[in-house]
PDB file of N, CA and C in Angstrom:
ATOM      1  N   MET A   1       0.858  -1.179   0.000  1.00  0.00           N
ATOM      2  CA  MET A   1       0.000   0.000   0.000  1.00  0.00           C
ATOM      3  C   MET A   1       0.893   1.226   0.000  1.00  0.00           C
ATOM      4  N   GLU A   2       1.285   1.632  -1.151  1.00  0.00           N
ATOM      5  CA  GLU A   2       2.207   2.746  -1.289  1.00  0.00           C
ATOM      6  C   GLU A   2       1.652   4.049  -0.737  1.00  0.00           C
ATOM      7  N   LYS A   3       0.357   4.308  -0.927  1.00  0.00           N
ATOM      8  CA  LYS A   3      -0.219   5.591  -0.533  1.00  0.00           C
ATOM      9  C   LYS A   3      -1.147   5.490   0.671  1.00  0.00           C
ATOM     10  N   ALA A   4      -1.058   4.433   1.442  1.00  0.00           N
ATOM     11  CA  ALA A   4      -1.957   4.260   2.578  1.00  0.00           C
ATOM     12  C   ALA A   4      -1.981   5.453   3.516  1.00  0.00           C
ATOM     13  N   PRO A   5      -0.844   6.067   3.871  1.00  0.00           N
ATOM     14  CA  PRO A   5      -0.914   7.230   4.764  1.00  0.00           C
ATOM     15  C   PRO A   5      -1.696   8.400   4.155  1.00  0.00           C
ATOM     16  N   VAL A   6      -1.721   8.493   2.842  1.00  0.00           N
ATOM     17  CA  VAL A   6      -2.468   9.560   2.175  1.00  0.00           C
ATOM     18  C   VAL A   6      -3.958   9.255   2.178  1.00  0.00           C
ATOM     19  N   LEU A   7      -4.302   7.986   2.030  1.00  0.00           N
ATOM     20  CA  LEU A   7      -5.696   7.587   1.869  1.00  0.00           C
ATOM     21  C   LEU A   7      -6.442   7.377   3.172  1.00  0.00           C
ATOM     22  N   SER A   8      -5.736   7.052   4.238  1.00  0.00           N
ATOM     23  CA  SER A   8      -6.427   6.648   5.447  1.00  0.00           C
ATOM     24  C   SER A   8      -5.609   6.979   6.691  1.00  0.00           C
ATOM     25  N   PRO A   9      -6.286   7.354   7.784  1.00  0.00           N
ATOM     26  CA  PRO A   9      -5.566   7.545   9.041  1.00  0.00           C
ATOM     27  C   PRO A   9      -5.267   6.217   9.746  1.00  0.00           C
ATOM     28  N   GLN A  10      -5.739   5.096   9.167  1.00  0.00           N
ATOM     29  CA  GLN A  10      -5.499   3.779   9.755  1.00  0.00           C
ATOM     30  C   GLN A  10      -4.013   3.458   9.734  1.00  0.00           C
ATOM     31  N   ASN A  11      -3.557   2.695  10.709  1.00  0.00           N
ATOM     32  CA  ASN A  11      -2.182   2.220  10.740  1.00  0.00           C
ATOM     33  C   ASN A  11      -2.129   0.914   9.956  1.00  0.00           C
ATOM     34  N   ILE A  12      -1.797   0.994   8.674  1.00  0.00           N
ATOM     35  CA  ILE A  12      -1.774  -0.171   7.802  1.00  0.00           C
ATOM     36  C   ILE A  12      -0.322  -0.613   7.642  1.00  0.00           C
ATOM     37  N   THR A  13      -0.028  -1.791   8.174  1.00  0.00           N
ATOM     38  CA  THR A  13       1.333  -2.316   8.119  1.00  0.00           C
ATOM     39  C   THR A  13       1.376  -3.544   7.218  1.00  0.00           C
ATOM     40  N   ALA A  14       2.577  -4.057   6.986  1.00  0.00           N
ATOM     41  CA  ALA A  14       2.754  -5.199   6.090  1.00  0.00           C
ATOM     42  C   ALA A  14       2.058  -6.458   6.597  1.00  0.00           C
ATOM     43  N   ASP A  15       1.776  -6.555   7.893  1.00  0.00           N
ATOM     44  CA  ASP A  15       1.144  -7.762   8.418  1.00  0.00           C
ATOM     45  C   ASP A  15      -0.382  -7.680   8.496  1.00  0.00           C
ATOM     46  N   VAL A  16      -0.980  -6.613   7.988  1.00  0.00           N
ATOM     47  CA  VAL A  16      -2.433  -6.472   7.965  1.00  0.00           C
ATOM     48  C   VAL A  16      -3.018  -7.442   6.933  1.00  0.00           C
ATOM     49  N   ALA A  17      -4.075  -8.140   7.296  1.00  0.00           N
ATOM     50  CA  ALA A  17      -4.735  -9.070   6.375  1.00  0.00           C
ATOM     51  C   ALA A  17      -5.540  -8.289   5.339  1.00  0.00           C
ATOM     52  N   PHE A  18      -5.315  -8.565   4.083  1.00  0.00           N
ATOM     53  CA  PHE A  18      -6.043  -7.928   2.994  1.00  0.00           C
ATOM     54  C   PHE A  18      -7.095  -8.881   2.468  1.00  0.00           C
ATOM     55  N   PRO A  19      -8.179  -8.422   1.858  1.00  0.00           N
ATOM     56  CA  PRO A  19      -8.449  -7.011   1.564  1.00  0.00           C
ATOM     57  C   PRO A  19      -8.952  -6.262   2.798  1.00  0.00           C
ATOM     58  N   ILE A  20      -8.757  -4.955   2.785  1.00  0.00           N
ATOM     59  CA  ILE A  20      -9.293  -4.074   3.818  1.00  0.00           C
ATOM     60  C   ILE A  20     -10.108  -2.993   3.133  1.00  0.00           C
ATOM     61  N   GLU A  21     -11.044  -2.414   3.857  1.00  0.00           N
ATOM     62  CA  GLU A  21     -11.878  -1.355   3.300  1.00  0.00           C
ATOM     63  C   GLU A  21     -11.212  -0.012   3.528  1.00  0.00           C
ATOM     64  N   LEU A  22     -11.102   0.763   2.454  1.00  0.00           N
ATOM     65  CA  LEU A  22     -10.595   2.134   2.530  1.00  0.00           C
ATOM     66  C   LEU A  22     -11.614   3.058   1.883  1.00  0.00           C
ATOM     67  N   TRP A  23     -11.821   4.187   2.470  1.00  0.00           N
ATOM     68  CA  TRP A  23     -12.685   5.207   1.878  1.00  0.00           C
ATOM     69  C   TRP A  23     -11.779   6.256   1.270  1.00  0.00           C
ATOM     70  N   ILE A  24     -11.990   6.546  -0.006  1.00  0.00           N
ATOM     71  CA  ILE A  24     -11.172   7.557  -0.673  1.00  0.00           C
ATOM     72  C   ILE A  24     -12.073   8.595  -1.329  1.00  0.00           C
ATOM     73  N   GLU A  25     -11.552   9.797  -1.462  1.00  0.00           N
ATOM     74  CA  GLU A  25     -12.323  10.872  -2.082  1.00  0.00           C
ATOM     75  C   GLU A  25     -12.327  10.706  -3.596  1.00  0.00           C
ATOM     76  N   ALA A  26     -13.504  10.893  -4.185  1.00  0.00           N
ATOM     77  CA  ALA A  26     -13.666  10.807  -5.628  1.00  0.00           C
ATOM     78  C   ALA A  26     -14.847  11.684  -6.026  1.00  0.00           C
ATOM     79  N   ALA A  27     -14.948  11.985  -7.309  1.00  0.00           N
ATOM     80  CA  ALA A  27     -16.054  12.809  -7.810  1.00  0.00           C
ATOM     81  C   ALA A  27     -16.810  12.032  -8.878  1.00  0.00           C
ATOM     82  N   ALA A  28     -18.119  12.252  -8.932  1.00  0.00           N
ATOM     83  CA  ALA A  28     -18.959  11.615  -9.942  1.00  0.00           C
ATOM     84  C   ALA A  28     -19.981  12.622 -10.430  1.00  0.00           C
ATOM     85  N   ASP A  29     -20.292  12.574 -11.723  1.00  0.00           N
ATOM     86  CA  ASP A  29     -21.286  13.491 -12.285  1.00  0.00           C
ATOM     87  C   ASP A  29     -22.709  13.058 -11.974  1.00  0.00           C
ATOM     88  N   ASP A  30     -22.986  11.759 -12.068  1.00  0.00           N
ATOM     89  CA  ASP A  30     -24.356  11.281 -11.923  1.00  0.00           C
ATOM     90  C   ASP A  30     -24.337   9.896 -11.295  1.00  0.00           C
ATOM     91  N   ILE A  31     -25.066   9.698 -10.206  1.00  0.00           N
ATOM     92  CA  ILE A  31     -25.133   8.383  -9.572  1.00  0.00           C
ATOM     93  C   ILE A  31     -26.548   7.818  -9.619  1.00  0.00           C
ATOM     94  N   ALA A  32     -27.352   8.277 -10.589  1.00  0.00           N
ATOM     95  CA  ALA A  32     -28.746   7.861 -10.673  1.00  0.00           C
ATOM     96  C   ALA A  32     -28.917   6.494 -11.327  1.00  0.00           C
ATOM     97  N   GLY A  33     -28.004   6.074 -12.188  1.00  0.00           N
ATOM     98  CA  GLY A  33     -28.138   4.791 -12.878  1.00  0.00           C
ATOM     99  C   GLY A  33     -27.603   3.644 -12.046  1.00  0.00           C
ATOM    100  N   GLU A  34     -27.476   2.477 -12.681  1.00  0.00           N
ATOM    101  CA  GLU A  34     -26.968   1.300 -11.977  1.00  0.00           C
ATOM    102  C   GLU A  34     -25.463   1.358 -11.781  1.00  0.00           C
ATOM    103  N   GLU A  35     -24.760   2.047 -12.683  1.00  0.00           N
ATOM    104  CA  GLU A  35     -23.311   2.189 -12.582  1.00  0.00           C
ATOM    105  C   GLU A  35     -22.945   3.659 -12.595  1.00  0.00           C
ATOM    106  N   VAL A  36     -21.807   3.962 -11.990  1.00  0.00           N
ATOM    107  CA  VAL A  36     -21.336   5.336 -11.941  1.00  0.00           C
ATOM    108  C   VAL A  36     -19.830   5.341 -12.210  1.00  0.00           C
ATOM    109  N   VAL A  37     -19.388   6.321 -12.993  1.00  0.00           N
ATOM    110  CA  VAL A  37     -17.959   6.505 -13.230  1.00  0.00           C
ATOM    111  C   VAL A  37     -17.469   7.526 -12.211  1.00  0.00           C
ATOM    112  N   VAL A  38     -16.502   7.132 -11.398  1.00  0.00           N
ATOM    113  CA  VAL A  38     -15.948   8.048 -10.404  1.00  0.00           C
ATOM    114  C   VAL A  38     -14.527   8.411 -10.816  1.00  0.00           C
ATOM    115  N   MET A  39     -14.192   9.687 -10.634  1.00  0.00           N
ATOM    116  CA  MET A  39     -12.855  10.190 -10.913  1.00  0.00           C
ATOM    117  C   MET A  39     -12.124  10.313  -9.589  1.00  0.00           C
ATOM    118  N   LEU A  40     -10.993   9.643  -9.465  1.00  0.00           N
ATOM    119  CA  LEU A  40     -10.222   9.663  -8.230  1.00  0.00           C
ATOM    120  C   LEU A  40      -9.576  11.032  -8.026  1.00  0.00           C
ATOM    121  N   SER A  41      -9.451  11.449  -6.779  1.00  0.00           N
ATOM    122  CA  SER A  41      -8.927  12.780  -6.440  1.00  0.00           C
ATOM    123  C   SER A  41      -7.498  12.693  -5.912  1.00  0.00           C
ATOM    124  N   HIS A  42      -6.844  13.818  -5.854  1.00  0.00           N
ATOM    125  CA  HIS A  42      -5.545  13.984  -5.200  1.00  0.00           C
ATOM    126  C   HIS A  42      -4.429  13.139  -5.798  1.00  0.00           C
ATOM    127  N   GLY A  43      -4.483  12.878  -7.098  1.00  0.00           N
ATOM    128  CA  GLY A  43      -3.426  12.123  -7.749  1.00  0.00           C
ATOM    129  C   GLY A  43      -3.457  10.627  -7.487  1.00  0.00           C
ATOM    130  N   VAL A  44      -4.544  10.132  -6.892  1.00  0.00           N
ATOM    131  CA  VAL A  44      -4.668   8.701  -6.624  1.00  0.00           C
ATOM    132  C   VAL A  44      -4.917   7.978  -7.947  1.00  0.00           C
ATOM    133  N   GLU A  45      -4.228   6.875  -8.138  1.00  0.00           N
ATOM    134  CA  GLU A  45      -4.391   6.072  -9.342  1.00  0.00           C
ATOM    135  C   GLU A  45      -4.713   4.633  -8.961  1.00  0.00           C
ATOM    136  N   ALA A  46      -5.547   3.996  -9.786  1.00  0.00           N
ATOM    137  CA  ALA A  46      -5.811   2.569  -9.630  1.00  0.00           C
ATOM    138  C   ALA A  46      -4.712   1.810 -10.377  1.00  0.00           C
ATOM    139  N   MET A  47      -4.775   0.497 -10.304  1.00  0.00           N
ATOM    140  CA  MET A  47      -3.791  -0.306 -11.027  1.00  0.00           C
ATOM    141  C   MET A  47      -3.791   0.076 -12.497  1.00  0.00           C
ATOM    142  N   GLY A  48      -2.628   0.109 -13.076  1.00  0.00           N
ATOM    143  CA  GLY A  48      -2.513   0.456 -14.487  1.00  0.00           C
ATOM    144  C   GLY A  48      -2.556   1.950 -14.749  1.00  0.00           C
ATOM    145  N   GLY A  49      -2.548   2.761 -13.682  1.00  0.00           N
ATOM    146  CA  GLY A  49      -2.549   4.208 -13.851  1.00  0.00           C
ATOM    147  C   GLY A  49      -3.905   4.818 -14.126  1.00  0.00           C
ATOM    148  N   ARG A  50      -4.981   4.047 -13.973  1.00  0.00           N
ATOM    149  CA  ARG A  50      -6.325   4.599 -14.227  1.00  0.00           C
ATOM    150  C   ARG A  50      -6.688   5.627 -13.163  1.00  0.00           C
ATOM    151  N   ILE A  51      -7.329   6.699 -13.582  1.00  0.00           N
ATOM    152  CA  ILE A  51      -7.772   7.728 -12.638  1.00  0.00           C
ATOM    153  C   ILE A  51      -9.291   7.743 -12.495  1.00  0.00           C
ATOM    154  N   SER A  52      -9.957   6.770 -13.123  1.00  0.00           N
ATOM    155  CA  SER A  52     -11.403   6.639 -12.966  1.00  0.00           C
ATOM    156  C   SER A  52     -11.750   5.168 -12.806  1.00  0.00           C
ATOM    157  N   LEU A  53     -12.882   4.921 -12.139  1.00  0.00           N
ATOM    158  CA  LEU A  53     -13.370   3.564 -11.906  1.00  0.00           C
ATOM    159  C   LEU A  53     -14.860   3.519 -12.190  1.00  0.00           C
ATOM    160  N   VAL A  54     -15.353   2.382 -12.677  1.00  0.00           N
ATOM    161  CA  VAL A  54     -16.788   2.177 -12.862  1.00  0.00           C
ATOM    162  C   VAL A  54     -17.257   1.319 -11.685  1.00  0.00           C
ATOM    163  N   LEU A  55     -18.191   1.870 -10.907  1.00  0.00           N
ATOM    164  CA  LEU A  55     -18.696   1.189  -9.714  1.00  0.00           C
ATOM    165  C   LEU A  55     -20.197   1.042  -9.782  1.00  0.00           C
ATOM    166  N   SER A  56     -20.718   0.104  -9.008  1.00  0.00           N
ATOM    167  CA  SER A  56     -22.150  -0.007  -8.834  1.00  0.00           C
ATOM    168  C   SER A  56     -22.622   1.215  -8.043  1.00  0.00           C
ATOM    169  N   SER A  57     -23.718   1.802  -8.446  1.00  0.00           N
ATOM    170  CA  SER A  57     -24.234   2.974  -7.723  1.00  0.00           C
ATOM    171  C   SER A  57     -24.484   2.674  -6.250  1.00  0.00           C
ATOM    172  N   ALA A  58     -24.829   1.435  -5.933  1.00  0.00           N
ATOM    173  CA  ALA A  58     -25.079   1.062  -4.539  1.00  0.00           C
ATOM    174  C   ALA A  58     -23.820   1.146  -3.685  1.00  0.00           C
ATOM    175  N   ASP A  59     -22.649   1.113  -4.315  1.00  0.00           N
ATOM    176  CA  ASP A  59     -21.385   1.169  -3.589  1.00  0.00           C
ATOM    177  C   ASP A  59     -20.835   2.590  -3.430  1.00  0.00           C
ATOM    178  N   VAL A  60     -21.588   3.582  -3.896  1.00  0.00           N
ATOM    179  CA  VAL A  60     -21.133   4.967  -3.862  1.00  0.00           C
ATOM    180  C   VAL A  60     -21.894   5.722  -2.782  1.00  0.00           C
ATOM    181  N   LEU A  61     -21.162   6.326  -1.853  1.00  0.00           N
ATOM    182  CA  LEU A  61     -21.780   7.100  -0.789  1.00  0.00           C
ATOM    183  C   LEU A  61     -22.611   8.218  -1.403  1.00  0.00           C
ATOM    184  N   GLY A  62     -23.814   8.359  -0.964  1.00  0.00           N
ATOM    185  CA  GLY A  62     -24.703   9.381  -1.495  1.00  0.00           C
ATOM    186  C   GLY A  62     -25.721   8.832  -2.469  1.00  0.00           C
ATOM    187  N   SER A  63     -25.588   7.557  -2.832  1.00  0.00           N
ATOM    188  CA  SER A  63     -26.547   6.981  -3.788  1.00  0.00           C
ATOM    189  C   SER A  63     -27.800   6.523  -3.076  1.00  0.00           C
TER     190      SER A  63
END
């Protein structure tokens, strides 16, 4: 977890069992449908350098 201190105040060490839940800041234009495209904030990237993710609307806070 290269950016864990940036993403979470949790103390995430090498011996923590994964997966773990992290809440990260992101922006979305519309969460009314079944899926929503979220743009990651603060230079956060997903695997492969992606800066956006397609999520189920039910998994997005505010839906």
